[in-house]
Amino acid sequence: MNLNATLLGESIAFIVFVWFTMKYVWPPLNGAIEERQNKIADGLAAGERAEKDLELAQEKAKEQLKDAKVQAAEIIEQAKKRATQIVDEETTRGHEEREKIIAQGQAEVIAERNRAKEELRQQVSVLAIAGAEKILERQIDAAAHSDILDKLVAEL
C-alpha cells in the first residue's frame, strides 16, 4: 500500500497543484497572454493604418507634383505667349516708327525740292530779266512788269 499511498498522495498533490494553478496562476497568465495578443493586434493594425496613410500621402504627393507640373507648364506657356505678344507689339511699333520716319523724310525731301524749285525759278527769272535787258539793251522795270515775270516764272 505504500505504493498506492504514494501514488495517491502524489495524485492529490498533482490535483492540488493543477487546481491551484488553474485557480490562481492560469487566469493572470491567460490575461497577460490576451493582453499581449491585443497589443500585438493593435500594433499590427496601427502598422497597416500607417502603411495605408503612407500610400495615401504618396498618392497625394504625386497628385500635387503632377498639379505643380501642369501649373508650371501653364505659366511657361503664358510667358511664351506674352513674350511673343511683346515681340509682335514692338515689331509693329518699329514698323510704325519706320513709316513715320520715312514719311517725315519724304516730306522734307518734297519741301526741299519745292524750295529748290522756287530758288531755281527766281534765278531763272533773274537770268531771263538779264537776258531780256541785254536783248532790249535797256533795263526792264521789274515792279512794272511783275505780272509778265510771274507768268514767266510759272511757265518755268
Protein backbone atom coordinates (compact mmCIF):
# COMPACT_ATOMS: atom_id res chain seq x y z
CA MET A 1 0.00 0.00 0.00
CA ASN A 2 2.83 2.14 0.25
CA LEU A 3 2.98 2.44 -3.43
CA ASN A 4 -0.69 3.13 -3.68
CA ALA A 5 -0.50 5.65 -0.85
CA THR A 6 2.43 7.34 -2.52
CA LEU A 7 0.63 7.36 -5.79
CA LEU A 8 -2.48 8.64 -4.13
CA GLY A 9 -0.51 11.34 -2.30
CA GLU A 10 1.25 12.32 -5.48
CA SER A 11 -2.07 12.33 -7.36
CA ILE A 12 -3.65 14.52 -4.71
CA ALA A 13 -0.61 16.83 -4.74
CA PHE A 14 -0.80 16.98 -8.52
CA ILE A 15 -4.55 17.67 -8.43
CA VAL A 16 -4.00 20.40 -5.80
CA PHE A 17 -1.20 21.80 -7.91
CA VAL A 18 -3.40 21.78 -11.03
CA TRP A 19 -6.33 23.26 -9.12
CA PHE A 20 -4.09 25.96 -7.56
CA THR A 21 -2.54 26.70 -10.95
CA MET A 22 -5.95 26.88 -12.66
CA LYS A 23 -7.40 28.99 -9.84
CA TYR A 24 -4.57 31.46 -9.15
CA VAL A 25 -1.83 31.21 -11.79
CA TRP A 26 -3.70 30.48 -15.01
CA PRO A 27 -6.14 33.49 -15.02
CA PRO A 28 -3.39 36.17 -14.67
CA LEU A 29 -1.20 34.28 -17.13
CA ASN A 30 -4.13 33.98 -19.54
CA GLY A 31 -4.90 37.70 -19.02
CA ALA A 32 -1.27 38.60 -19.73
CA ILE A 33 -1.30 36.45 -22.87
CA GLU A 34 -4.57 38.03 -24.06
CA GLU A 35 -3.26 41.50 -23.27
CA ARG A 36 -0.10 40.74 -25.20
CA GLN A 37 -2.15 39.41 -28.11
CA ASN A 38 -4.29 42.56 -28.07
CA LYS A 39 -1.17 44.77 -28.05
CA ILE A 40 0.28 42.82 -30.96
CA ALA A 41 -3.04 43.03 -32.85
CA ASP A 42 -3.23 46.78 -32.14
CA GLY A 43 0.38 47.19 -33.27
CA LEU A 44 -0.33 45.28 -36.49
CA ALA A 45 -3.49 47.34 -37.10
CA ALA A 46 -1.55 50.56 -36.45
CA GLY A 47 1.16 49.36 -38.83
CA GLU A 48 -1.45 48.65 -41.50
CA ARG A 49 -3.05 52.07 -40.93
CA ALA A 50 0.35 53.71 -41.12
CA GLU A 51 1.09 51.84 -44.34
CA LYS A 52 -2.25 52.96 -45.81
CA ASP A 53 -1.61 56.51 -44.62
CA LEU A 54 1.83 56.39 -46.24
CA GLU A 55 0.31 55.17 -49.51
CA LEU A 56 -2.30 57.93 -49.36
CA ALA A 57 0.38 60.51 -48.61
CA GLN A 58 2.49 59.24 -51.52
CA GLU A 59 -0.53 59.41 -53.85
CA LYS A 60 -1.32 62.91 -52.62
CA ALA A 61 2.30 63.95 -53.13
CA LYS A 62 2.21 62.51 -56.68
CA GLU A 63 -1.00 64.41 -57.41
CA GLN A 64 0.45 67.64 -56.02
CA LEU A 65 3.61 67.16 -58.06
CA LYS A 66 1.52 66.47 -61.15
CA ASP A 67 -0.57 69.59 -60.48
CA ALA A 68 2.58 71.63 -59.91
CA LYS A 69 4.00 70.43 -63.23
CA VAL A 70 0.77 71.35 -65.00
CA GLN A 71 0.78 74.79 -63.38
CA ALA A 72 4.44 75.27 -64.28
CA ALA A 73 3.72 74.30 -67.89
CA GLU A 74 0.81 76.76 -67.97
CA ILE A 75 2.97 79.54 -66.54
CA ILE A 76 5.70 78.80 -69.08
CA GLU A 77 3.16 78.78 -71.92
CA GLN A 78 1.71 82.10 -70.72
CA ALA A 79 5.21 83.56 -70.51
CA LYS A 80 5.96 82.40 -74.07
CA LYS A 81 2.70 83.89 -75.33
CA ARG A 82 3.45 87.17 -73.54
CA ALA A 83 6.97 87.23 -74.97
CA THR A 84 5.59 86.64 -78.47
CA GLN A 85 3.00 89.36 -77.90
CA ILE A 86 5.69 91.80 -76.73
CA VAL A 87 7.84 90.99 -79.76
CA ASP A 88 4.85 91.48 -82.06
CA GLU A 89 3.93 94.76 -80.38
CA GLU A 90 7.49 96.02 -80.61
CA THR A 91 7.74 94.91 -84.25
CA THR A 92 4.52 96.75 -85.05
CA ARG A 93 5.73 99.81 -83.17
CA GLY A 94 9.03 99.62 -85.04
CA HIS A 95 7.22 99.42 -88.38
CA GLU A 96 5.03 102.38 -87.43
CA GLU A 97 8.09 104.36 -86.34
CA ARG A 98 9.87 103.46 -89.58
CA GLU A 99 6.86 104.56 -91.64
CA LYS A 100 6.70 107.79 -89.65
CA ILE A 101 10.40 108.46 -90.24
CA ILE A 102 10.04 107.65 -93.95
CA ALA A 103 7.02 109.97 -94.21
CA GLN A 104 8.94 112.74 -92.45
CA GLY A 105 11.89 112.18 -94.75
CA GLN A 106 9.67 112.29 -97.82
CA ALA A 107 8.01 115.47 -96.56
CA GLU A 108 11.43 117.02 -96.01
CA VAL A 109 12.55 115.94 -99.49
CA ILE A 110 9.39 117.40 -101.05
CA ALA A 111 9.80 120.64 -99.10
CA GLU A 112 13.49 120.86 -100.06
CA ARG A 113 12.65 120.12 -103.70
CA ASN A 114 9.93 122.80 -103.69
CA ARG A 115 12.35 125.26 -102.08
CA ALA A 116 14.98 124.38 -104.67
CA LYS A 117 12.43 124.80 -107.49
CA GLU A 118 11.40 128.17 -106.15
CA GLU A 119 15.02 129.22 -105.81
CA LEU A 120 15.71 127.99 -109.34
CA ARG A 121 12.66 129.87 -110.66
CA GLN A 122 13.91 133.02 -109.02
CA GLN A 123 17.36 132.54 -110.52
CA VAL A 124 15.85 131.82 -113.95
CA SER A 125 13.68 134.93 -113.72
CA VAL A 126 16.76 136.97 -112.81
CA LEU A 127 18.61 135.43 -115.76
CA ALA A 128 15.60 135.99 -118.03
CA ILE A 129 15.48 139.63 -117.00
CA ALA A 130 19.21 139.96 -117.55
CA GLY A 131 18.89 138.31 -120.95
CA ALA A 132 15.93 140.47 -121.89
CA GLU A 133 17.83 143.56 -120.79
CA LYS A 134 20.70 142.62 -123.00
CA ILE A 135 18.36 141.88 -125.84
CA LEU A 136 16.47 145.11 -125.43
CA GLU A 137 19.52 146.88 -124.14
CA ARG A 138 17.53 148.70 -121.70
CA GLN A 139 16.58 147.98 -118.14
CA ILE A 140 13.23 146.38 -117.54
CA ASP A 141 11.35 147.64 -114.55
CA ALA A 142 10.58 144.50 -112.51
CA ALA A 143 7.86 146.20 -110.48
CA ALA A 144 6.10 147.44 -113.60
CA HIS A 145 6.25 144.14 -115.37
CA SER A 146 5.74 141.84 -112.39
CA ASP A 147 2.69 140.20 -113.95
CA ILE A 148 4.70 139.25 -117.01
CA LEU A 149 7.55 137.99 -114.85
CA ASP A 150 5.16 135.97 -112.63
CA LYS A 151 3.65 134.38 -115.73
CA LEU A 152 7.16 133.59 -116.99
CA VAL A 153 8.16 132.06 -113.63
CA ALA A 154 5.00 129.96 -113.56
CA GLU A 155 5.72 128.60 -117.03
CA LEU A 156 9.22 127.58 -115.98
